[in-house]
């Protein structure tokens, strides 16, 4: 059985949402104090955590589809690294580097190879 396009789409959505979760965690980490109260009153951290939960729900929906192959879908979650690199540049001014592009290229190549090797119907 082959992984459906719906499953693939849901994983892409999950990785996109999850990457925004990372952005909010990074933003929230700047306001952390040494006390436990700041951890629970930091709305950036709360939003980041919520986005990771929502992302996980999309992923669970993706892997629950008929024919969904975990061995194909789970590595696709790494696409969140691609989104995170873009958001880190947009929101935090982090530089693009040759090493980052090389790493992302290898991730995308790995995902493509997995897609080519998935079982046929």
PDB file of N, CA and C in Angstrom:
ATOM      1  N   UNK A   1       0.840  -1.173   0.000  1.00  0.00           N
ATOM      2  CA  UNK A   1       0.000   0.000   0.000  1.00  0.00           C
ATOM      3  C   UNK A   1       0.890   1.244   0.000  1.00  0.00           C
ATOM      4  N   UNK A   2       0.473   2.275  -0.621  1.00  0.00           N
ATOM      5  CA  UNK A   2       1.258   3.489  -0.762  1.00  0.00           C
ATOM      6  C   UNK A   2       0.735   4.592   0.156  1.00  0.00           C
ATOM      7  N   UNK A   3       1.665   5.389   0.653  1.00  0.00           N
ATOM      8  CA  UNK A   3       1.286   6.528   1.492  1.00  0.00           C
ATOM      9  C   UNK A   3       0.506   7.530   0.647  1.00  0.00           C
ATOM     10  N   UNK A   4      -0.621   7.984   1.160  1.00  0.00           N
ATOM     11  CA  UNK A   4      -1.509   8.859   0.394  1.00  0.00           C
ATOM     12  C   UNK A   4      -0.975  10.282   0.323  1.00  0.00           C
ATOM     13  N   UNK A   5      -1.474  11.004  -0.683  1.00  0.00           N
ATOM     14  CA  UNK A   5      -1.136  12.420  -0.800  1.00  0.00           C
ATOM     15  C   UNK A   5      -1.652  13.210   0.401  1.00  0.00           C
ATOM     16  N   UNK A   6      -2.784  12.792   0.956  1.00  0.00           N
ATOM     17  CA  UNK A   6      -3.311  13.458   2.139  1.00  0.00           C
ATOM     18  C   UNK A   6      -2.328  13.335   3.299  1.00  0.00           C
ATOM     19  N   UNK A   7      -1.782  12.147   3.502  1.00  0.00           N
ATOM     20  CA  UNK A   7      -0.795  11.955   4.568  1.00  0.00           C
ATOM     21  C   UNK A   7       0.423  12.835   4.352  1.00  0.00           C
ATOM     22  N   UNK A   8       0.897  12.889   3.123  1.00  0.00           N
ATOM     23  CA  UNK A   8       2.060  13.725   2.809  1.00  0.00           C
ATOM     24  C   UNK A   8       1.754  15.199   3.078  1.00  0.00           C
ATOM     25  N   UNK A   9       0.579  15.636   2.657  1.00  0.00           N
ATOM     26  CA  UNK A   9       0.172  17.027   2.878  1.00  0.00           C
ATOM     27  C   UNK A   9       0.084  17.341   4.370  1.00  0.00           C
ATOM     28  N   UNK A  10      -0.525  16.441   5.145  1.00  0.00           N
ATOM     29  CA  UNK A  10      -0.673  16.664   6.579  1.00  0.00           C
ATOM     30  C   UNK A  10       0.690  16.768   7.274  1.00  0.00           C
ATOM     31  N   UNK A  11       1.657  15.987   6.831  1.00  0.00           N
ATOM     32  CA  UNK A  11       2.996  16.059   7.425  1.00  0.00           C
ATOM     33  C   UNK A  11       3.672  17.382   7.066  1.00  0.00           C
ATOM     34  N   UNK A  12       3.472  17.852   5.839  1.00  0.00           N
ATOM     35  CA  UNK A  12       4.024  19.159   5.460  1.00  0.00           C
ATOM     36  C   UNK A  12       3.414  20.258   6.327  1.00  0.00           C
ATOM     37  N   UNK A  13       2.100  20.203   6.532  1.00  0.00           N
ATOM     38  CA  UNK A  13       1.431  21.184   7.392  1.00  0.00           C
ATOM     39  C   UNK A  13       1.969  21.081   8.818  1.00  0.00           C
ATOM     40  N   UNK A  14       2.133  19.862   9.313  1.00  0.00           N
ATOM     41  CA  UNK A  14       2.657  19.655  10.671  1.00  0.00           C
ATOM     42  C   UNK A  14       4.049  20.255  10.816  1.00  0.00           C
ATOM     43  N   UNK A  15       4.900  20.055   9.817  1.00  0.00           N
ATOM     44  CA  UNK A  15       6.262  20.588   9.911  1.00  0.00           C
ATOM     45  C   UNK A  15       6.255  22.119   9.851  1.00  0.00           C
ATOM     46  N   UNK A  16       5.355  22.677   9.072  1.00  0.00           N
ATOM     47  CA  UNK A  16       5.245  24.132   8.960  1.00  0.00           C
ATOM     48  C   UNK A  16       4.798  24.736  10.299  1.00  0.00           C
ATOM     49  N   UNK A  17       3.757  24.162  10.885  1.00  0.00           N
ATOM     50  CA  UNK A  17       3.255  24.646  12.171  1.00  0.00           C
ATOM     51  C   UNK A  17       4.312  24.462  13.256  1.00  0.00           C
ATOM     52  N   UNK A  18       4.963  23.312  13.260  1.00  0.00           N
ATOM     53  CA  UNK A  18       5.999  23.041  14.252  1.00  0.00           C
ATOM     54  C   UNK A  18       7.163  24.015  14.168  1.00  0.00           C
ATOM     55  N   UNK A  19       7.481  24.454  12.971  1.00  0.00           N
ATOM     56  CA  UNK A  19       8.582  25.408  12.824  1.00  0.00           C
ATOM     57  C   UNK A  19       8.229  26.753  13.467  1.00  0.00           C
ATOM     58  N   UNK A  20       6.955  27.134  13.418  1.00  0.00           N
ATOM     59  CA  UNK A  20       6.542  28.347  14.122  1.00  0.00           C
ATOM     60  C   UNK A  20       6.584  28.137  15.638  1.00  0.00           C
ATOM     61  N   UNK A  21       6.352  26.905  16.066  1.00  0.00           N
ATOM     62  CA  UNK A  21       6.503  26.597  17.482  1.00  0.00           C
ATOM     63  C   UNK A  21       7.921  26.886  17.943  1.00  0.00           C
ATOM     64  N   UNK A  22       8.893  26.512  17.132  1.00  0.00           N
ATOM     65  CA  UNK A  22      10.298  26.774  17.467  1.00  0.00           C
ATOM     66  C   UNK A  22      10.578  28.274  17.531  1.00  0.00           C
ATOM     67  N   UNK A  23       9.975  29.038  16.624  1.00  0.00           N
ATOM     68  CA  UNK A  23      10.159  30.493  16.630  1.00  0.00           C
ATOM     69  C   UNK A  23       9.647  31.084  17.939  1.00  0.00           C
ATOM     70  N   UNK A  24       8.468  30.654  18.378  1.00  0.00           N
ATOM     71  CA  UNK A  24       7.911  31.183  19.616  1.00  0.00           C
ATOM     72  C   UNK A  24       8.729  30.752  20.833  1.00  0.00           C
ATOM     73  N   UNK A  25       9.262  29.522  20.809  1.00  0.00           N
ATOM     74  CA  UNK A  25      10.109  29.098  21.921  1.00  0.00           C
ATOM     75  C   UNK A  25      11.376  29.945  21.987  1.00  0.00           C
ATOM     76  N   UNK A  26      11.961  30.228  20.830  1.00  0.00           N
ATOM     77  CA  UNK A  26      13.163  31.078  20.788  1.00  0.00           C
ATOM     78  C   UNK A  26      12.832  32.473  21.318  1.00  0.00           C
ATOM     79  N   UNK A  27      11.722  33.041  20.862  1.00  0.00           N
ATOM     80  CA  UNK A  27      11.329  34.373  21.330  1.00  0.00           C
ATOM     81  C   UNK A  27      11.068  34.365  22.829  1.00  0.00           C
ATOM     82  N   UNK A  28      10.423  33.335  23.316  1.00  0.00           N
ATOM     83  CA  UNK A  28      10.127  33.240  24.739  1.00  0.00           C
ATOM     84  C   UNK A  28      11.354  33.016  25.591  1.00  0.00           C
ATOM     85  N   UNK A  29      12.354  32.362  25.032  1.00  0.00           N
ATOM     86  CA  UNK A  29      13.557  32.073  25.805  1.00  0.00           C
ATOM     87  C   UNK A  29      14.312  33.349  26.170  1.00  0.00           C
ATOM     88  N   UNK A  30      14.102  34.406  25.413  1.00  0.00           N
ATOM     89  CA  UNK A  30      14.778  35.673  25.699  1.00  0.00           C
ATOM     90  C   UNK A  30      14.242  36.328  26.968  1.00  0.00           C
ATOM     91  N   UNK A  31      13.030  35.970  27.379  1.00  0.00           N
ATOM     92  CA  UNK A  31      12.396  36.589  28.543  1.00  0.00           C
ATOM     93  C   UNK A  31      12.384  35.695  29.770  1.00  0.00           C
ATOM     94  N   UNK A  32      13.095  34.582  29.729  1.00  0.00           N
ATOM     95  CA  UNK A  32      13.109  33.678  30.881  1.00  0.00           C
ATOM     96  C   UNK A  32      13.965  34.253  32.002  1.00  0.00           C
ATOM     97  N   UNK A  33      13.485  34.101  33.178  1.00  0.00           N
ATOM     98  CA  UNK A  33      14.224  34.484  34.380  1.00  0.00           C
ATOM     99  C   UNK A  33      14.638  33.196  35.091  1.00  0.00           C
ATOM    100  N   UNK A  34      15.307  33.333  36.184  1.00  0.00           N
ATOM    101  CA  UNK A  34      15.778  32.148  36.902  1.00  0.00           C
ATOM    102  C   UNK A  34      14.705  31.538  37.800  1.00  0.00           C
ATOM    103  N   UNK A  35      13.503  32.129  37.833  1.00  0.00           N
ATOM    104  CA  UNK A  35      12.449  31.554  38.669  1.00  0.00           C
ATOM    105  C   UNK A  35      11.461  30.755  37.829  1.00  0.00           C
ATOM    106  N   UNK A  36      10.814  29.825  38.485  1.00  0.00           N
ATOM    107  CA  UNK A  36       9.872  28.940  37.799  1.00  0.00           C
ATOM    108  C   UNK A  36       8.633  29.674  37.302  1.00  0.00           C
ATOM    109  N   UNK A  37       8.240  30.733  37.988  1.00  0.00           N
ATOM    110  CA  UNK A  37       7.043  31.489  37.605  1.00  0.00           C
ATOM    111  C   UNK A  37       7.175  32.046  36.184  1.00  0.00           C
ATOM    112  N   UNK A  38       8.358  32.503  35.812  1.00  0.00           N
ATOM    113  CA  UNK A  38       8.543  33.096  34.481  1.00  0.00           C
ATOM    114  C   UNK A  38       8.321  32.062  33.378  1.00  0.00           C
ATOM    115  N   UNK A  39       8.549  30.805  33.709  1.00  0.00           N
ATOM    116  CA  UNK A  39       8.315  29.743  32.728  1.00  0.00           C
ATOM    117  C   UNK A  39       6.828  29.622  32.400  1.00  0.00           C
ATOM    118  N   UNK A  40       5.980  29.821  33.398  1.00  0.00           N
ATOM    119  CA  UNK A  40       4.538  29.627  33.216  1.00  0.00           C
ATOM    120  C   UNK A  40       3.785  30.901  32.850  1.00  0.00           C
ATOM    121  N   UNK A  41       4.435  32.044  32.924  1.00  0.00           N
ATOM    122  CA  UNK A  41       3.769  33.304  32.588  1.00  0.00           C
ATOM    123  C   UNK A  41       4.272  33.881  31.270  1.00  0.00           C
ATOM    124  N   UNK A  42       5.081  33.144  30.579  1.00  0.00           N
ATOM    125  CA  UNK A  42       5.675  33.600  29.322  1.00  0.00           C
ATOM    126  C   UNK A  42       4.769  33.152  28.173  1.00  0.00           C
ATOM    127  N   UNK A  43       4.034  34.091  27.596  1.00  0.00           N
ATOM    128  CA  UNK A  43       3.069  33.701  26.560  1.00  0.00           C
ATOM    129  C   UNK A  43       3.735  33.189  25.290  1.00  0.00           C
ATOM    130  N   UNK A  44       4.948  33.633  24.987  1.00  0.00           N
ATOM    131  CA  UNK A  44       5.646  33.096  23.813  1.00  0.00           C
ATOM    132  C   UNK A  44       5.907  31.594  23.981  1.00  0.00           C
ATOM    133  N   UNK A  45       6.331  31.206  25.172  1.00  0.00           N
ATOM    134  CA  UNK A  45       6.561  29.780  25.424  1.00  0.00           C
ATOM    135  C   UNK A  45       5.256  28.998  25.345  1.00  0.00           C
ATOM    136  N   UNK A  46       4.185  29.570  25.869  1.00  0.00           N
ATOM    137  CA  UNK A  46       2.885  28.899  25.826  1.00  0.00           C
ATOM    138  C   UNK A  46       2.418  28.705  24.382  1.00  0.00           C
ATOM    139  N   UNK A  47       2.566  29.734  23.574  1.00  0.00           N
ATOM    140  CA  UNK A  47       2.164  29.632  22.164  1.00  0.00           C
ATOM    141  C   UNK A  47       3.039  28.613  21.445  1.00  0.00           C
ATOM    142  N   UNK A  48       4.341  28.646  21.712  1.00  0.00           N
ATOM    143  CA  UNK A  48       5.251  27.671  21.093  1.00  0.00           C
ATOM    144  C   UNK A  48       4.867  26.247  21.439  1.00  0.00           C
ATOM    145  N   UNK A  49       4.573  26.004  22.707  1.00  0.00           N
ATOM    146  CA  UNK A  49       4.142  24.665  23.122  1.00  0.00           C
ATOM    147  C   UNK A  49       2.834  24.256  22.468  1.00  0.00           C
ATOM    148  N   UNK A  50       1.893  25.192  22.412  1.00  0.00           N
ATOM    149  CA  UNK A  50       0.608  24.912  21.769  1.00  0.00           C
ATOM    150  C   UNK A  50       0.794  24.574  20.284  1.00  0.00           C
ATOM    151  N   UNK A  51       1.662  25.305  19.615  1.00  0.00           N
ATOM    152  CA  UNK A  51       1.909  25.018  18.196  1.00  0.00           C
ATOM    153  C   UNK A  51       2.534  23.638  18.005  1.00  0.00           C
ATOM    154  N   UNK A  52       3.402  23.216  18.928  1.00  0.00           N
ATOM    155  CA  UNK A  52       3.960  21.870  18.837  1.00  0.00           C
ATOM    156  C   UNK A  52       2.883  20.811  19.052  1.00  0.00           C
ATOM    157  N   UNK A  53       1.945  21.071  19.940  1.00  0.00           N
ATOM    158  CA  UNK A  53       0.837  20.138  20.157  1.00  0.00           C
ATOM    159  C   UNK A  53      -0.026  20.057  18.896  1.00  0.00           C
ATOM    160  N   UNK A  54      -0.356  21.199  18.319  1.00  0.00           N
ATOM    161  CA  UNK A  54      -1.157  21.219  17.090  1.00  0.00           C
ATOM    162  C   UNK A  54      -0.418  20.492  15.964  1.00  0.00           C
ATOM    163  N   UNK A  55       0.869  20.747  15.860  1.00  0.00           N
ATOM    164  CA  UNK A  55       1.690  20.073  14.856  1.00  0.00           C
ATOM    165  C   UNK A  55       1.621  18.554  15.047  1.00  0.00           C
ATOM    166  N   UNK A  56       1.708  18.116  16.288  1.00  0.00           N
ATOM    167  CA  UNK A  56       1.642  16.675  16.586  1.00  0.00           C
ATOM    168  C   UNK A  56       0.292  16.086  16.199  1.00  0.00           C
ATOM    169  N   UNK A  57      -0.770  16.853  16.395  1.00  0.00           N
ATOM    170  CA  UNK A  57      -2.099  16.365  16.007  1.00  0.00           C
ATOM    171  C   UNK A  57      -2.193  16.158  14.495  1.00  0.00           C
ATOM    172  N   UNK A  58      -1.621  17.084  13.724  1.00  0.00           N
ATOM    173  CA  UNK A  58      -1.590  16.905  12.272  1.00  0.00           C
ATOM    174  C   UNK A  58      -0.786  15.660  11.901  1.00  0.00           C
ATOM    175  N   UNK A  59       0.328  15.447  12.598  1.00  0.00           N
ATOM    176  CA  UNK A  59       1.154  14.279  12.305  1.00  0.00           C
ATOM    177  C   UNK A  59       0.416  12.981  12.634  1.00  0.00           C
ATOM    178  N   UNK A  60      -0.264  12.962  13.773  1.00  0.00           N
ATOM    179  CA  UNK A  60      -1.035  11.775  14.151  1.00  0.00           C
ATOM    180  C   UNK A  60      -2.118  11.497  13.114  1.00  0.00           C
ATOM    181  N   UNK A  61      -2.782  12.540  12.649  1.00  0.00           N
ATOM    182  CA  UNK A  61      -3.798  12.363  11.598  1.00  0.00           C
ATOM    183  C   UNK A  61      -3.162  11.797  10.330  1.00  0.00           C
ATOM    184  N   UNK A  62      -1.963  12.279  10.013  1.00  0.00           N
ATOM    185  CA  UNK A  62      -1.268  11.793   8.809  1.00  0.00           C
ATOM    186  C   UNK A  62      -0.940  10.313   8.908  1.00  0.00           C
ATOM    187  N   UNK A  63      -0.414   9.878  10.048  1.00  0.00           N
ATOM    188  CA  UNK A  63      -0.013   8.475  10.161  1.00  0.00           C
ATOM    189  C   UNK A  63      -1.189   7.540  10.387  1.00  0.00           C
ATOM    190  N   UNK A  64      -2.364   8.104  10.672  1.00  0.00           N
ATOM    191  CA  UNK A  64      -3.548   7.261  10.857  1.00  0.00           C
ATOM    192  C   UNK A  64      -4.268   6.973   9.543  1.00  0.00           C
ATOM    193  N   UNK A  65      -3.832   7.608   8.466  1.00  0.00           N
ATOM    194  CA  UNK A  65      -4.477   7.390   7.168  1.00  0.00           C
ATOM    195  C   UNK A  65      -4.179   5.984   6.656  1.00  0.00           C
ATOM    196  N   UNK A  66      -5.104   5.387   5.917  1.00  0.00           N
ATOM    197  CA  UNK A  66      -4.857   4.053   5.355  1.00  0.00           C
ATOM    198  C   UNK A  66      -3.595   4.060   4.483  1.00  0.00           C
ATOM    199  N   UNK A  67      -2.735   3.100   4.724  1.00  0.00           N
ATOM    200  CA  UNK A  67      -1.523   2.955   3.925  1.00  0.00           C
ATOM    201  C   UNK A  67      -0.395   3.889   4.316  1.00  0.00           C
ATOM    202  N   UNK A  68      -0.580   4.670   5.352  1.00  0.00           N
ATOM    203  CA  UNK A  68       0.463   5.602   5.767  1.00  0.00           C
ATOM    204  C   UNK A  68       1.690   4.830   6.227  1.00  0.00           C
ATOM    205  N   UNK A  69       2.821   5.177   5.670  1.00  0.00           N
ATOM    206  CA  UNK A  69       4.073   4.506   6.019  1.00  0.00           C
ATOM    207  C   UNK A  69       4.889   5.416   6.931  1.00  0.00           C
ATOM    208  N   UNK A  70       5.048   5.004   8.162  1.00  0.00           N
ATOM    209  CA  UNK A  70       5.807   5.789   9.129  1.00  0.00           C
ATOM    210  C   UNK A  70       7.242   5.996   8.653  1.00  0.00           C
ATOM    211  N   UNK A  71       7.800   4.995   7.995  1.00  0.00           N
ATOM    212  CA  UNK A  71       9.186   5.088   7.517  1.00  0.00           C
ATOM    213  C   UNK A  71       9.352   6.152   6.435  1.00  0.00           C
ATOM    214  N   UNK A  72       8.270   6.561   5.809  1.00  0.00           N
ATOM    215  CA  UNK A  72       8.304   7.634   4.812  1.00  0.00           C
ATOM    216  C   UNK A  72       7.901   8.965   5.449  1.00  0.00           C
ATOM    217  N   UNK A  73       6.866   8.931   6.277  1.00  0.00           N
ATOM    218  CA  UNK A  73       6.325  10.175   6.823  1.00  0.00           C
ATOM    219  C   UNK A  73       7.188  10.787   7.917  1.00  0.00           C
ATOM    220  N   UNK A  74       7.717   9.974   8.814  1.00  0.00           N
ATOM    221  CA  UNK A  74       8.470  10.543   9.928  1.00  0.00           C
ATOM    222  C   UNK A  74       9.698  11.329   9.472  1.00  0.00           C
ATOM    223  N   UNK A  75      10.484  10.845   8.530  1.00  0.00           N
ATOM    224  CA  UNK A  75      11.613  11.659   8.072  1.00  0.00           C
ATOM    225  C   UNK A  75      11.187  12.985   7.431  1.00  0.00           C
ATOM    226  N   UNK A  76       9.965  13.047   6.920  1.00  0.00           N
ATOM    227  CA  UNK A  76       9.493  14.296   6.315  1.00  0.00           C
ATOM    228  C   UNK A  76       9.298  15.401   7.347  1.00  0.00           C
ATOM    229  N   UNK A  77       9.170  15.028   8.615  1.00  0.00           N
ATOM    230  CA  UNK A  77       9.049  16.025   9.675  1.00  0.00           C
ATOM    231  C   UNK A  77      10.295  16.913   9.688  1.00  0.00           C
ATOM    232  N   UNK A  78      11.409  16.380   9.210  1.00  0.00           N
ATOM    233  CA  UNK A  78      12.658  17.159   9.181  1.00  0.00           C
ATOM    234  C   UNK A  78      12.563  18.363   8.246  1.00  0.00           C
ATOM    235  N   UNK A  79      11.498  18.450   7.470  1.00  0.00           N
ATOM    236  CA  UNK A  79      11.302  19.653   6.654  1.00  0.00           C
ATOM    237  C   UNK A  79      11.118  20.882   7.541  1.00  0.00           C
ATOM    238  N   UNK A  80      10.788  20.657   8.801  1.00  0.00           N
ATOM    239  CA  UNK A  80      10.664  21.793   9.715  1.00  0.00           C
ATOM    240  C   UNK A  80      11.993  22.533   9.838  1.00  0.00           C
ATOM    241  N   UNK A  81      13.119  21.850   9.599  1.00  0.00           N
ATOM    242  CA  UNK A  81      14.424  22.516   9.618  1.00  0.00           C
ATOM    243  C   UNK A  81      14.514  23.554   8.501  1.00  0.00           C
ATOM    244  N   UNK A  82      13.945  23.222   7.353  1.00  0.00           N
ATOM    245  CA  UNK A  82      13.942  24.178   6.245  1.00  0.00           C
ATOM    246  C   UNK A  82      13.151  25.425   6.627  1.00  0.00           C
ATOM    247  N   UNK A  83      11.956  25.208   7.158  1.00  0.00           N
ATOM    248  CA  UNK A  83      11.129  26.350   7.570  1.00  0.00           C
ATOM    249  C   UNK A  83      11.829  27.136   8.675  1.00  0.00           C
ATOM    250  N   UNK A  84      12.410  26.432   9.636  1.00  0.00           N
ATOM    251  CA  UNK A  84      13.059  27.103  10.763  1.00  0.00           C
ATOM    252  C   UNK A  84      14.218  27.977  10.294  1.00  0.00           C
ATOM    253  N   UNK A  85      14.929  27.540   9.275  1.00  0.00           N
ATOM    254  CA  UNK A  85      16.025  28.357   8.761  1.00  0.00           C
ATOM    255  C   UNK A  85      15.483  29.657   8.162  1.00  0.00           C
ATOM    256  N   UNK A  86      14.395  29.565   7.445  1.00  0.00           N
ATOM    257  CA  UNK A  86      13.785  30.762   6.864  1.00  0.00           C
ATOM    258  C   UNK A  86      13.277  31.684   7.981  1.00  0.00           C
ATOM    259  N   UNK A  87      12.559  31.120   8.951  1.00  0.00           N
ATOM    260  CA  UNK A  87      12.005  31.951  10.029  1.00  0.00           C
ATOM    261  C   UNK A  87      13.110  32.559  10.898  1.00  0.00           C
ATOM    262  N   UNK A  88      14.209  31.824  11.094  1.00  0.00           N
ATOM    263  CA  UNK A  88      15.296  32.383  11.905  1.00  0.00           C
ATOM    264  C   UNK A  88      15.918  33.590  11.218  1.00  0.00           C
ATOM    265  N   UNK A  89      15.927  33.570   9.924  1.00  0.00           N
ATOM    266  CA  UNK A  89      16.421  34.725   9.160  1.00  0.00           C
ATOM    267  C   UNK A  89      15.415  35.891   9.250  1.00  0.00           C
ATOM    268  N   UNK A  90      14.134  35.578   9.017  1.00  0.00           N
ATOM    269  CA  UNK A  90      13.092  36.607   8.991  1.00  0.00           C
ATOM    270  C   UNK A  90      12.905  37.255  10.362  1.00  0.00           C
ATOM    271  N   UNK A  91      12.795  36.446  11.413  1.00  0.00           N
ATOM    272  CA  UNK A  91      12.439  36.967  12.729  1.00  0.00           C
ATOM    273  C   UNK A  91      13.625  37.342  13.613  1.00  0.00           C
ATOM    274  N   UNK A  92      14.778  36.680  13.401  1.00  0.00           N
ATOM    275  CA  UNK A  92      15.906  36.903  14.301  1.00  0.00           C
ATOM    276  C   UNK A  92      17.160  37.399  13.591  1.00  0.00           C
ATOM    277  N   UNK A  93      17.082  37.558  12.274  1.00  0.00           N
ATOM    278  CA  UNK A  93      18.217  38.072  11.518  1.00  0.00           C
ATOM    279  C   UNK A  93      19.402  37.127  11.455  1.00  0.00           C
ATOM    280  N   UNK A  94      19.182  35.846  11.677  1.00  0.00           N
ATOM    281  CA  UNK A  94      20.276  34.877  11.616  1.00  0.00           C
ATOM    282  C   UNK A  94      20.726  34.707  10.167  1.00  0.00           C
ATOM    283  N   UNK A  95      22.022  34.576   9.944  1.00  0.00           N
ATOM    284  CA  UNK A  95      22.525  34.518   8.568  1.00  0.00           C
ATOM    285  C   UNK A  95      22.304  33.155   7.908  1.00  0.00           C
ATOM    286  N   UNK A  96      22.143  33.191   6.602  1.00  0.00           N
ATOM    287  CA  UNK A  96      22.206  31.977   5.801  1.00  0.00           C
ATOM    288  C   UNK A  96      23.691  31.695   5.572  1.00  0.00           C
ATOM    289  N   UNK A  97      24.078  30.445   5.671  1.00  0.00           N
ATOM    290  CA  UNK A  97      25.470  30.092   5.409  1.00  0.00           C
ATOM    291  C   UNK A  97      25.521  28.920   4.445  1.00  0.00           C
ATOM    292  N   UNK A  98      26.664  28.730   3.858  1.00  0.00           N
ATOM    293  CA  UNK A  98      26.857  27.606   2.934  1.00  0.00           C
ATOM    294  C   UNK A  98      26.621  26.289   3.669  1.00  0.00           C
ATOM    295  N   UNK A  99      27.085  26.189   4.906  1.00  0.00           N
ATOM    296  CA  UNK A  99      26.919  24.952   5.664  1.00  0.00           C
ATOM    297  C   UNK A  99      25.444  24.665   5.939  1.00  0.00           C
ATOM    298  N   UNK A 100      24.667  25.702   6.237  1.00  0.00           N
ATOM    299  CA  UNK A 100      23.234  25.507   6.469  1.00  0.00           C
ATOM    300  C   UNK A 100      22.543  25.026   5.196  1.00  0.00           C
ATOM    301  N   UNK A 101      22.883  25.639   4.071  1.00  0.00           N
ATOM    302  CA  UNK A 101      22.275  25.208   2.807  1.00  0.00           C
ATOM    303  C   UNK A 101      22.694  23.788   2.444  1.00  0.00           C
ATOM    304  N   UNK A 102      23.941  23.443   2.717  1.00  0.00           N
ATOM    305  CA  UNK A 102      24.408  22.083   2.443  1.00  0.00           C
ATOM    306  C   UNK A 102      23.637  21.083   3.292  1.00  0.00           C
ATOM    307  N   UNK A 103      23.489  21.385   4.581  1.00  0.00           N
ATOM    308  CA  UNK A 103      22.732  20.506   5.466  1.00  0.00           C
ATOM    309  C   UNK A 103      21.293  20.350   5.027  1.00  0.00           C
ATOM    310  N   UNK A 104      20.659  21.455   4.679  1.00  0.00           N
ATOM    311  CA  UNK A 104      19.272  21.389   4.209  1.00  0.00           C
ATOM    312  C   UNK A 104      19.163  20.621   2.899  1.00  0.00           C
ATOM    313  N   UNK A 105      20.130  20.819   2.033  1.00  0.00           N
ATOM    314  CA  UNK A 105      20.136  20.077   0.772  1.00  0.00           C
ATOM    315  C   UNK A 105      20.204  18.578   1.015  1.00  0.00           C
ATOM    316  N   UNK A 106      21.021  18.173   1.969  1.00  0.00           N
ATOM    317  CA  UNK A 106      21.122  16.745   2.295  1.00  0.00           C
ATOM    318  C   UNK A 106      19.812  16.214   2.885  1.00  0.00           C
ATOM    319  N   UNK A 107      19.158  17.035   3.708  1.00  0.00           N
ATOM    320  CA  UNK A 107      17.860  16.631   4.270  1.00  0.00           C
ATOM    321  C   UNK A 107      16.834  16.455   3.154  1.00  0.00           C
ATOM    322  N   UNK A 108      16.741  17.427   2.269  1.00  0.00           N
ATOM    323  CA  UNK A 108      15.781  17.352   1.159  1.00  0.00           C
ATOM    324  C   UNK A 108      16.108  16.167   0.252  1.00  0.00           C
ATOM    325  N   UNK A 109      17.387  15.937  -0.011  1.00  0.00           N
ATOM    326  CA  UNK A 109      17.790  14.785  -0.823  1.00  0.00           C
ATOM    327  C   UNK A 109      17.367  13.480  -0.149  1.00  0.00           C
ATOM    328  N   UNK A 110      17.557  13.396   1.159  1.00  0.00           N
ATOM    329  CA  UNK A 110      17.141  12.196   1.887  1.00  0.00           C
ATOM    330  C   UNK A 110      15.643  11.964   1.807  1.00  0.00           C
ATOM    331  N   UNK A 111      14.871  13.031   1.945  1.00  0.00           N
ATOM    332  CA  UNK A 111      13.409  12.915   1.835  1.00  0.00           C
ATOM    333  C   UNK A 111      13.029  12.450   0.434  1.00  0.00           C
ATOM    334  N   UNK A 112      13.676  13.014  -0.585  1.00  0.00           N
ATOM    335  CA  UNK A 112      13.382  12.626  -1.972  1.00  0.00           C
ATOM    336  C   UNK A 112      13.709  11.153  -2.204  1.00  0.00           C
ATOM    337  N   UNK A 113      14.832  10.706  -1.673  1.00  0.00           N
ATOM    338  CA  UNK A 113      15.213   9.293  -1.837  1.00  0.00           C
ATOM    339  C   UNK A 113      14.197   8.386  -1.163  1.00  0.00           C
ATOM    340  N   UNK A 114      13.737   8.768   0.029  1.00  0.00           N
ATOM    341  CA  UNK A 114      12.716   7.974   0.706  1.00  0.00           C
ATOM    342  C   UNK A 114      11.421   7.933  -0.100  1.00  0.00           C
ATOM    343  N   UNK A 115      11.059   9.046  -0.708  1.00  0.00           N
ATOM    344  CA  UNK A 115       9.846   9.092  -1.511  1.00  0.00           C
ATOM    345  C   UNK A 115       9.977   8.175  -2.735  1.00  0.00           C
ATOM    346  N   UNK A 116      11.150   8.142  -3.325  1.00  0.00           N
ATOM    347  CA  UNK A 116      11.368   7.272  -4.481  1.00  0.00           C
ATOM    348  C   UNK A 116      11.321   5.807  -4.085  1.00  0.00           C
ATOM    349  N   UNK A 117      11.740   5.509  -2.861  1.00  0.00           N
ATOM    350  CA  UNK A 117      11.821   4.125  -2.412  1.00  0.00           C
ATOM    351  C   UNK A 117      10.587   3.615  -1.720  1.00  0.00           C
ATOM    352  N   UNK A 118       9.536   4.447  -1.612  1.00  0.00           N
ATOM    353  CA  UNK A 118       8.330   3.966  -0.905  1.00  0.00           C
ATOM    354  C   UNK A 118       7.668   2.854  -1.708  1.00  0.00           C
ATOM    355  N   UNK A 119       6.943   2.009  -1.001  1.00  0.00           N
ATOM    356  CA  UNK A 119       6.340   0.860  -1.655  1.00  0.00           C
ATOM    357  C   UNK A 119       5.274   1.290  -2.647  1.00  0.00           C
ATOM    358  N   UNK A 120       5.146   0.542  -3.692  1.00  0.00           N
ATOM    359  CA  UNK A 120       4.157   0.819  -4.734  1.00  0.00           C
ATOM    360  C   UNK A 120       2.876   0.084  -4.441  1.00  0.00           C
ATOM    361  N   UNK A 121       1.719   0.641  -4.906  1.00  0.00           N
ATOM    362  CA  UNK A 121       0.426  -0.029  -4.645  1.00  0.00           C
ATOM    363  C   UNK A 121       0.305  -1.338  -5.381  1.00  0.00           C
TER     364      UNK A 121
END
